[in-house]
Amino acid sequence: MAVKKIAEKVLATEDIPQRGYELVMVISPEVADEQLEAKVDEVSRFITERGGVIASVEHWGKRRLAYPIRSFTEGNYVLSRFESKPSLCKQLEASLQISEDVLRYLLIRSGD
């Protein structure tokens, strides 16, 4: 009986359409340009390997932070727009939380 309920949940999650999301990351200013590109590519690969589709990636550059984070007063800002299933978001957030290079992130569902 428990196997049937698990199978029903799996089938239910497969029917969920992809939704649009926006991810803003603040990456440590100590990260070199090559490593910054590698980090952004790593996050993009994480999304696409799990069935997501990257719409755009915008580098906003190094900007001053409103308040110090881990003793940094500035950070590299990157905006990614993508589509994925909602179940991917929790995995993505867990991955971003353990990353030492990502100071802060904000993942929201876009209104599109």
Protein backbone atom coordinates (compact mmCIF):
# COMPACT_ATOMS: atom_id res chain seq x y z
CA MET A 1 0.00 0.00 0.00
CA ALA A 2 2.87 2.41 0.81
CA VAL A 3 4.52 1.60 -2.54
CA LYS A 4 1.31 2.61 -4.33
CA LYS A 5 1.26 6.00 -2.56
CA ILE A 6 4.91 6.65 -3.46
CA ALA A 7 4.23 5.73 -7.09
CA GLU A 8 1.26 8.11 -7.15
CA LYS A 9 3.43 10.97 -5.80
CA VAL A 10 6.11 10.31 -8.43
CA LEU A 11 3.52 10.34 -11.21
CA ALA A 12 1.97 13.51 -9.81
CA THR A 13 5.31 15.34 -9.81
CA GLU A 14 5.97 14.33 -13.43
CA ASP A 15 2.76 16.08 -14.53
CA ILE A 16 3.75 19.44 -12.99
CA PRO A 17 4.67 21.91 -15.74
CA GLN A 18 7.88 23.88 -15.66
CA ARG A 19 7.70 27.36 -14.14
CA GLY A 20 9.82 30.46 -14.59
CA TYR A 21 12.31 31.42 -11.87
CA GLU A 22 14.84 34.16 -11.25
CA LEU A 23 17.98 33.57 -9.22
CA VAL A 24 20.18 36.41 -7.99
CA MET A 25 23.50 35.33 -6.49
CA VAL A 26 26.05 37.44 -4.64
CA ILE A 27 29.39 35.75 -5.13
CA SER A 28 32.47 36.51 -3.03
CA PRO A 29 34.67 39.34 -4.39
CA GLU A 30 37.75 37.18 -3.72
CA VAL A 31 36.71 34.84 -6.55
CA ALA A 32 38.79 35.44 -9.71
CA ASP A 33 37.02 36.14 -13.02
CA GLU A 34 37.72 32.63 -14.33
CA GLN A 35 36.41 31.07 -11.13
CA LEU A 36 33.36 33.34 -11.25
CA GLU A 37 32.51 32.08 -14.74
CA ALA A 38 33.10 28.52 -13.56
CA LYS A 39 30.74 29.01 -10.59
CA VAL A 40 28.00 30.45 -12.82
CA ASP A 41 28.49 27.56 -15.28
CA GLU A 42 28.31 25.09 -12.39
CA VAL A 43 24.93 26.48 -11.27
CA SER A 44 23.66 26.52 -14.87
CA ARG A 45 24.77 22.91 -15.36
CA PHE A 46 23.06 21.95 -12.09
CA ILE A 47 19.79 23.34 -13.46
CA THR A 48 20.04 21.89 -16.97
CA GLU A 49 21.15 18.42 -15.81
CA ARG A 50 17.92 18.18 -13.83
CA GLY A 51 15.65 19.12 -16.73
CA GLY A 52 15.66 22.92 -16.37
CA VAL A 53 16.16 25.38 -19.21
CA ILE A 54 18.34 28.50 -18.80
CA ALA A 55 16.74 31.54 -20.46
CA SER A 56 19.43 34.11 -19.67
CA VAL A 57 22.38 34.92 -17.42
CA GLU A 58 23.30 38.54 -16.66
CA HIS A 59 26.49 39.60 -14.92
CA TRP A 60 25.83 42.80 -13.00
CA GLY A 61 29.43 43.10 -11.91
CA LYS A 62 30.97 43.94 -8.57
CA ARG A 63 28.76 46.12 -6.37
CA ARG A 64 28.82 47.48 -2.86
CA LEU A 65 26.73 45.53 -0.34
CA ALA A 66 24.16 47.26 1.85
CA TYR A 67 25.78 45.64 4.91
CA PRO A 68 28.86 43.46 5.43
CA ILE A 69 28.44 39.75 4.80
CA ARG A 70 31.24 37.54 6.20
CA SER A 71 33.34 40.72 6.47
CA PHE A 72 32.94 41.53 2.75
CA THR A 73 31.62 44.96 1.76
CA GLU A 74 31.15 44.16 -1.94
CA GLY A 75 30.22 41.17 -4.08
CA ASN A 76 29.77 39.98 -7.65
CA TYR A 77 26.10 39.97 -8.63
CA VAL A 78 24.72 37.49 -11.17
CA LEU A 79 21.09 37.13 -12.33
CA SER A 80 19.90 33.88 -13.92
CA ARG A 81 16.47 33.38 -15.44
CA PHE A 82 15.39 29.78 -16.01
CA GLU A 83 12.47 27.39 -16.20
CA SER A 84 12.24 24.21 -14.17
CA LYS A 85 9.97 22.04 -12.14
CA PRO A 86 9.34 23.27 -8.58
CA SER A 87 11.05 20.23 -7.06
CA LEU A 88 14.40 21.45 -8.43
CA CYS A 89 14.30 24.62 -6.31
CA LYS A 90 14.90 22.87 -2.98
CA GLN A 91 17.87 20.98 -4.43
CA LEU A 92 19.27 24.18 -5.92
CA GLU A 93 18.89 26.11 -2.66
CA ALA A 94 20.61 23.32 -0.72
CA SER A 95 23.49 23.40 -3.18
CA LEU A 96 23.81 27.19 -2.94
CA GLN A 97 23.72 27.15 0.88
CA ILE A 98 26.74 24.86 1.15
CA SER A 99 28.75 26.76 -1.45
CA GLU A 100 31.49 28.85 0.17
CA ASP A 101 31.71 31.22 -2.81
CA VAL A 102 28.02 32.24 -2.72
CA LEU A 103 27.52 34.88 -0.01
CA ARG A 104 23.77 35.30 -0.57
CA TYR A 105 21.14 34.24 -3.06
CA LEU A 106 17.50 34.95 -3.77
CA LEU A 107 15.38 32.50 -5.75
CA ILE A 108 11.91 33.67 -6.73
CA ARG A 109 9.21 32.47 -9.08
CA SER A 110 8.90 34.96 -11.92
CA GLY A 111 5.56 36.40 -12.92
CA ASP A 112 5.84 35.30 -16.55
